[in-house]
Amino acid sequence: MNPPTFLDVLKAKQNITPHLPRTPLFNYPALDQATGLNLYIKHENYQPIGAFKVRGGINLISQLSPNEKTRGVITASTGNHGQSIAYAARLFDVPATIVVPEGANEVKVNAMRALGANIIFHGPDFDAAREHCERLAEERHLRYIHSGNEPHLIAGVGTHTLEILEELPDVEFILVPIGGGSGAAGASLVAKTLNPKIRVIGVQAERAPAAYKSWKGRALVEDTNATSAEGLATRTAFILPQKMLWELLDDFILVSDDAMRTAIVLYLRKAKTLAEPAGAAALAAALQLATQLRGRKVALILSGGNITPEQLSAILNAA
């Protein structure tokens, strides 16, 4: 399981381009005025599944062997990764099964079903679903797709940062949410290859800090998972993205669930765009790091916008 190279990202771009348009990179004067920062928002919430992970799904599924495509694939997900696999599997006519936690985001689950995936509910959180998924993969002889330990996934999602640098080559900071770490690993690989001076900062929920603690200690750890941001809700870190982050990531910070909710409202008011909690994590981090970022060109990866009406209503009522 070797980490992907920058050449793999360029190949992923070729695999993805026929199926996905570029997502926009927008600057919003109203958001800059509200934050005192110079922010460029990479709108991965504009993807057809509402999240960045579809890039990795298409790159991986497009490269499966004929035998793997016939047998079908299985994966575990809190939602966005599962949507990416379901979307790509439909694109390439591959049977897909997604194992999700009980009580998973209904917007994401309904989207996976609409894409033709078979949904299995199991366990209270992502890691319980993942462990069950791994057992099913062995029993049913399906191609298991880990949400982080897959070089093709990392290369695929790294194309979002390639697009950022093609459009904004003088960017100085890139802030990216981290759940399993594939998005941040891809972002770091591309940024450090093209311009080592760019500082890439990872962001995780302080109520689910396994990846953060693993990065800090340079060893995989397991920790609590109590965040409402399901896209960041992992109890364990993943070895392949972590190894890349240990080498390439410049900094890693934690943000509160309240800070992500504040960022969701700020995006809605000042950028007229919808973010889920994980998608708003980079903006929450930018507000936390305002002194360090002031006067610099900063790209924020808005990783997803799959928020339920009930979640959004509660956040807006509280605001």
Protein backbone atom coordinates (compact mmCIF):
# COMPACT_ATOMS: atom_id res chain seq x y z
CA MET A 1 0.00 0.00 0.00
CA ASN A 2 2.30 2.71 -1.29
CA PRO A 3 1.26 6.36 -1.03
CA PRO A 4 0.22 8.03 -4.26
CA THR A 5 2.59 10.33 -6.12
CA PHE A 6 1.95 13.64 -7.82
CA LEU A 7 1.93 11.73 -11.12
CA ASP A 8 -0.96 9.67 -9.73
CA VAL A 9 -2.87 12.91 -9.09
CA LEU A 10 -2.30 13.99 -12.70
CA LYS A 11 -3.56 10.60 -13.88
CA ALA A 12 -6.56 10.95 -11.57
CA LYS A 13 -7.36 14.28 -13.18
CA GLN A 14 -7.53 12.51 -16.55
CA ASN A 15 -9.84 9.84 -15.10
CA ILE A 16 -12.14 12.35 -13.41
CA THR A 17 -12.37 15.14 -16.00
CA PRO A 18 -14.78 13.34 -18.38
CA HIS A 19 -17.23 12.84 -15.52
CA LEU A 20 -16.95 15.92 -13.27
CA PRO A 21 -16.73 19.64 -14.02
CA ARG A 22 -14.28 21.83 -12.09
CA THR A 23 -15.70 23.28 -8.92
CA PRO A 24 -15.49 27.07 -8.51
CA LEU A 25 -13.01 28.93 -6.33
CA PHE A 26 -14.79 32.08 -5.19
CA ASN A 27 -13.79 35.10 -3.14
CA TYR A 28 -16.63 36.84 -1.30
CA PRO A 29 -16.02 40.48 -0.29
CA ALA A 30 -18.80 40.24 2.31
CA LEU A 31 -17.14 37.20 3.89
CA ASP A 32 -13.74 38.92 3.83
CA GLN A 33 -15.25 41.98 5.50
CA ALA A 34 -16.93 39.88 8.18
CA THR A 35 -13.76 37.90 8.98
CA GLY A 36 -11.03 40.45 8.27
CA LEU A 37 -9.36 37.84 6.05
CA ASN A 38 -8.65 37.24 2.36
CA LEU A 39 -10.49 33.97 1.73
CA TYR A 40 -10.98 31.87 -1.40
CA ILE A 41 -13.63 29.18 -1.05
CA LYS A 42 -13.20 25.92 -2.96
CA HIS A 43 -16.80 24.83 -3.47
CA GLU A 44 -16.72 21.06 -3.18
CA ASN A 45 -20.30 21.37 -1.92
CA TYR A 46 -21.16 22.00 -5.60
CA GLN A 47 -20.18 18.46 -6.59
CA PRO A 48 -23.04 16.23 -7.85
CA ILE A 49 -23.07 14.40 -4.50
CA GLY A 50 -22.50 17.62 -2.55
CA ALA A 51 -19.00 16.63 -1.37
CA PHE A 52 -15.36 16.36 -2.49
CA LYS A 53 -15.08 12.59 -2.06
CA VAL A 54 -16.70 11.87 -5.43
CA ARG A 55 -13.32 12.68 -6.99
CA GLY A 56 -11.72 9.72 -5.25
CA GLY A 57 -14.65 7.41 -5.89
CA ILE A 58 -14.53 7.95 -9.64
CA ASN A 59 -10.76 7.59 -9.76
CA LEU A 60 -10.82 4.29 -7.84
CA ILE A 61 -13.85 2.62 -9.44
CA SER A 62 -12.64 3.52 -12.93
CA GLN A 63 -9.47 1.49 -12.29
CA LEU A 64 -11.00 -1.70 -10.87
CA SER A 65 -10.30 -4.95 -12.68
CA PRO A 66 -13.14 -6.58 -14.66
CA ASN A 67 -13.37 -9.28 -11.98
CA GLU A 68 -13.69 -6.70 -9.18
CA LYS A 69 -16.36 -4.82 -11.10
CA THR A 70 -18.37 -8.01 -11.61
CA ARG A 71 -18.12 -9.08 -7.95
CA GLY A 72 -19.04 -5.64 -6.68
CA VAL A 73 -17.70 -3.34 -3.99
CA ILE A 74 -18.46 -2.71 -0.33
CA THR A 75 -17.47 0.15 1.92
CA ALA A 76 -18.36 1.78 5.24
CA SER A 77 -19.26 5.43 5.51
CA THR A 78 -21.01 8.10 7.55
CA GLY A 79 -22.29 9.40 4.22
CA ASN A 80 -20.09 11.37 1.84
CA HIS A 81 -17.58 8.61 1.11
CA GLY A 82 -20.47 6.21 0.63
CA GLN A 83 -22.12 8.61 -1.79
CA SER A 84 -18.88 8.87 -3.76
CA ILE A 85 -18.64 5.09 -4.14
CA ALA A 86 -22.35 4.79 -4.97
CA TYR A 87 -22.07 7.54 -7.59
CA ALA A 88 -18.98 6.06 -9.23
CA ALA A 89 -20.37 2.51 -9.06
CA ARG A 90 -23.50 3.64 -10.90
CA LEU A 91 -21.34 5.42 -13.45
CA PHE A 92 -19.37 2.23 -14.21
CA ASP A 93 -22.21 -0.28 -13.64
CA VAL A 94 -20.68 -1.87 -10.52
CA PRO A 95 -22.85 -3.31 -7.69
CA ALA A 96 -22.22 -1.37 -4.47
CA THR A 97 -23.03 -2.03 -0.82
CA ILE A 98 -22.59 0.70 1.79
CA VAL A 99 -22.54 -0.01 5.53
CA VAL A 100 -23.58 3.05 7.55
CA PRO A 101 -24.00 3.67 11.28
CA GLU A 102 -27.48 3.50 12.74
CA GLY A 103 -28.86 7.03 12.79
CA ALA A 104 -26.70 8.14 9.83
CA ASN A 105 -27.49 11.44 8.10
CA GLU A 106 -30.73 10.72 6.22
CA VAL A 107 -29.91 13.15 3.40
CA LYS A 108 -26.76 11.17 2.64
CA VAL A 109 -28.41 7.76 3.09
CA ASN A 110 -31.30 8.67 0.78
CA ALA A 111 -28.83 9.92 -1.83
CA MET A 112 -26.90 6.62 -1.71
CA ARG A 113 -30.13 4.67 -2.16
CA ALA A 114 -31.16 6.87 -5.09
CA LEU A 115 -27.81 6.08 -6.72
CA GLY A 116 -28.62 2.38 -6.54
CA ALA A 117 -26.47 1.28 -3.59
CA ASN A 118 -27.55 -1.41 -1.14
CA ILE A 119 -27.57 0.14 2.36
CA ILE A 120 -26.83 -1.83 5.54
CA PHE A 121 -27.18 -0.15 8.94
CA HIS A 122 -24.87 -1.34 11.70
CA GLY A 123 -23.51 0.03 14.97
CA PRO A 124 -23.50 3.38 16.75
CA ASP A 125 -20.67 5.05 14.81
CA PHE A 126 -18.43 4.85 11.76
CA ASP A 127 -15.85 2.51 13.24
CA ALA A 128 -18.46 -0.04 14.27
CA ALA A 129 -19.90 0.10 10.74
CA ARG A 130 -16.40 -0.25 9.26
CA GLU A 131 -15.58 -3.36 11.32
CA HIS A 132 -18.86 -5.00 10.24
CA CYS A 133 -18.18 -3.99 6.63
CA GLU A 134 -14.79 -5.70 6.69
CA ARG A 135 -16.40 -8.94 7.90
CA LEU A 136 -19.04 -8.77 5.15
CA ALA A 137 -16.40 -8.12 2.49
CA GLU A 138 -14.62 -11.33 3.41
CA GLU A 139 -17.82 -13.38 3.68
CA ARG A 140 -19.28 -12.16 0.37
CA HIS A 141 -16.01 -11.92 -1.59
CA LEU A 142 -16.56 -8.25 -2.42
CA ARG A 143 -13.88 -5.67 -3.20
CA TYR A 144 -13.53 -3.82 0.11
CA ILE A 145 -12.87 -0.08 -0.22
CA HIS A 146 -11.36 1.48 2.89
CA SER A 147 -12.31 5.15 3.23
CA GLY A 148 -8.71 6.25 3.86
CA ASN A 149 -6.19 3.51 3.09
CA GLU A 150 -6.68 3.64 -0.68
CA PRO A 151 -4.04 5.40 -2.84
CA HIS A 152 -6.53 5.96 -5.68
CA LEU A 153 -8.93 7.76 -3.33
CA ILE A 154 -6.19 10.07 -2.08
CA ALA A 155 -4.94 10.82 -5.59
CA GLY A 156 -8.48 11.52 -6.73
CA VAL A 157 -9.38 13.97 -3.99
CA GLY A 158 -6.01 15.68 -4.37
CA THR A 159 -7.30 17.08 -7.66
CA HIS A 160 -9.25 19.72 -5.72
CA THR A 161 -5.97 21.29 -4.65
CA LEU A 162 -4.55 20.96 -8.15
CA GLU A 163 -7.50 23.06 -9.34
CA ILE A 164 -6.89 25.62 -6.58
CA LEU A 165 -3.26 26.09 -7.62
CA GLU A 166 -4.11 26.28 -11.32
CA GLU A 167 -6.45 29.16 -10.53
CA LEU A 168 -4.65 30.77 -7.57
CA PRO A 169 -0.94 29.89 -7.85
CA ASP A 170 0.08 32.46 -5.24
CA VAL A 171 -2.11 31.01 -2.48
CA GLU A 172 -0.24 31.00 0.84
CA PHE A 173 -2.41 28.84 3.10
CA ILE A 174 -4.78 25.94 2.42
CA LEU A 175 -7.11 24.82 5.22
CA VAL A 176 -8.70 21.40 4.82
CA PRO A 177 -11.00 19.32 7.07
CA ILE A 178 -9.75 15.94 8.32
CA GLY A 179 -11.87 12.93 9.20
CA GLY A 180 -9.96 9.95 7.88
CA GLY A 181 -7.43 12.26 6.23
CA SER A 182 -7.62 11.43 2.51
CA GLY A 183 -8.52 15.00 1.52
CA ALA A 184 -5.75 16.54 3.59
CA ALA A 185 -3.22 13.97 2.40
CA GLY A 186 -4.08 14.74 -1.23
CA ALA A 187 -4.01 18.48 -0.61
CA SER A 188 -0.61 18.29 1.10
CA LEU A 189 0.87 16.12 -1.66
CA VAL A 190 -0.16 18.54 -4.41
CA ALA A 191 0.68 21.75 -2.55
CA LYS A 192 4.13 20.61 -1.41
CA THR A 193 5.00 19.26 -4.86
CA LEU A 194 4.10 22.48 -6.66
CA ASN A 195 5.10 25.03 -4.03
CA PRO A 196 6.67 23.87 -0.75
CA LYS A 197 6.15 27.35 0.73
CA ILE A 198 2.38 26.85 0.88
CA ARG A 199 1.28 26.01 4.41
CA VAL A 200 -1.37 23.30 4.60
CA ILE A 201 -3.36 23.16 7.83
CA GLY A 202 -5.63 20.26 8.79
CA VAL A 203 -8.78 20.75 10.84
CA GLN A 204 -10.62 18.19 12.97
CA ALA A 205 -13.44 18.31 15.52
CA GLU A 206 -12.15 18.57 19.07
CA ARG A 207 -14.78 15.99 20.08
CA ALA A 208 -13.31 13.40 17.67
CA PRO A 209 -9.54 13.99 17.84
CA ALA A 210 -8.07 10.60 16.87
CA ALA A 211 -6.40 11.81 13.65
CA TYR A 212 -5.13 14.96 15.40
CA LYS A 213 -3.57 12.99 18.26
CA SER A 214 -2.10 10.46 15.83
CA TRP A 215 -0.49 13.27 13.83
CA LYS A 216 0.87 14.91 16.97
CA GLY A 217 2.29 11.66 18.37
CA ARG A 218 3.36 10.13 15.03
CA ALA A 219 1.54 6.93 15.98
CA LEU A 220 -2.01 5.69 15.40
CA VAL A 221 -4.33 6.18 18.35
CA GLU A 222 -8.00 5.59 19.11
CA ASP A 223 -10.04 8.25 20.87
CA THR A 224 -13.57 9.38 21.62
CA ASN A 225 -16.07 10.30 18.93
CA ALA A 226 -18.79 12.65 20.14
CA THR A 227 -18.94 15.31 17.42
CA SER A 228 -22.08 16.21 15.49
CA ALA A 229 -19.90 16.67 12.37
CA GLU A 230 -20.25 13.17 10.93
CA GLY A 231 -17.71 13.91 8.21
CA LEU A 232 -15.05 14.28 10.92
CA ALA A 233 -16.36 11.55 13.21
CA THR A 234 -13.69 8.86 13.35
CA ARG A 235 -12.56 7.00 16.47
CA THR A 236 -9.36 5.72 14.86
CA ALA A 237 -6.79 7.16 12.49
CA PHE A 238 -5.82 5.55 9.17
CA ILE A 239 -2.24 4.60 8.46
CA LEU A 240 -1.83 5.60 4.80
CA PRO A 241 -3.09 9.20 5.05
CA GLN A 242 -1.37 9.59 8.42
CA LYS A 243 2.01 8.61 6.99
CA MET A 244 1.56 11.26 4.30
CA LEU A 245 0.40 13.86 6.82
CA TRP A 246 3.35 13.14 9.13
CA GLU A 247 5.65 14.04 6.27
CA LEU A 248 3.74 16.82 4.51
CA LEU A 249 1.17 18.56 6.74
CA ASP A 250 2.35 21.86 8.27
CA ASP A 251 -0.10 22.16 11.15
CA PHE A 252 -3.21 20.58 12.60
CA ILE A 253 -5.81 22.24 14.82
CA LEU A 254 -9.05 21.29 16.54
CA VAL A 255 -12.29 23.26 16.36
CA SER A 256 -15.42 23.00 18.48
CA ASP A 257 -18.83 21.91 17.22
CA ASP A 258 -20.10 25.39 18.17
CA ALA A 259 -17.41 26.99 16.00
CA MET A 260 -18.49 24.85 13.02
CA ARG A 261 -22.11 25.83 13.56
CA THR A 262 -21.09 29.50 13.64
CA ALA A 263 -19.21 28.99 10.37
CA ILE A 264 -22.27 27.38 8.74
CA VAL A 265 -24.32 30.49 9.50
CA LEU A 266 -21.51 32.77 8.29
CA TYR A 267 -21.29 30.89 4.98
CA LEU A 268 -25.04 31.17 4.55
CA ARG A 269 -25.18 34.87 5.33
CA LYS A 270 -22.04 36.11 3.60
CA ALA A 271 -21.41 33.60 0.79
CA LYS A 272 -25.01 32.42 0.14
CA THR A 273 -23.81 28.83 0.27
CA LEU A 274 -24.67 25.75 2.30
CA ALA A 275 -22.10 23.82 4.33
CA GLU A 276 -22.44 20.77 6.54
CA PRO A 277 -20.51 20.90 9.86
CA ALA A 278 -17.41 19.17 8.42
CA GLY A 279 -17.59 21.41 5.36
CA ALA A 280 -17.55 24.48 7.59
CA ALA A 281 -14.57 23.28 9.64
CA ALA A 282 -11.98 25.11 7.53
CA LEU A 283 -13.80 28.43 7.98
CA ALA A 284 -14.10 27.78 11.72
CA ALA A 285 -10.33 27.20 11.79
CA ALA A 286 -9.65 30.38 9.79
CA LEU A 287 -11.57 32.40 12.39
CA GLN A 288 -9.54 30.69 15.13
CA LEU A 289 -6.27 31.50 13.31
CA ALA A 290 -7.29 35.01 12.22
CA THR A 291 -4.19 36.73 13.59
CA GLN A 292 -1.86 34.34 11.74
CA LEU A 293 -3.82 34.49 8.48
CA ARG A 294 -4.56 38.20 8.25
CA GLY A 295 -3.15 39.76 5.09
CA ARG A 296 -2.42 36.37 3.46
CA LYS A 297 -4.14 34.57 0.59
CA VAL A 298 -6.05 31.69 2.14
CA ALA A 299 -7.95 28.87 0.40
CA LEU A 300 -10.61 27.04 2.38
CA ILE A 301 -11.85 23.67 1.16
CA LEU A 302 -15.60 23.65 1.73
CA SER A 303 -15.68 19.87 1.62
CA GLY A 304 -19.43 19.24 1.67
CA GLY A 305 -22.91 20.68 1.97
CA ASN A 306 -24.97 17.62 2.93
CA ILE A 307 -26.79 18.94 5.98
CA THR A 308 -30.27 17.75 6.94
CA PRO A 309 -33.15 20.24 7.20
CA GLU A 310 -33.42 19.38 10.90
CA GLN A 311 -29.72 20.11 11.50
CA LEU A 312 -29.90 23.40 9.62
CA SER A 313 -33.09 24.48 11.38
CA ALA A 314 -31.59 23.83 14.81
CA ILE A 315 -28.43 25.76 13.92
CA LEU A 316 -30.34 28.74 12.54
CA ASN A 317 -32.73 28.82 15.50
CA ALA A 318 -29.77 28.84 17.89
CA ALA A 319 -28.11 31.62 15.90
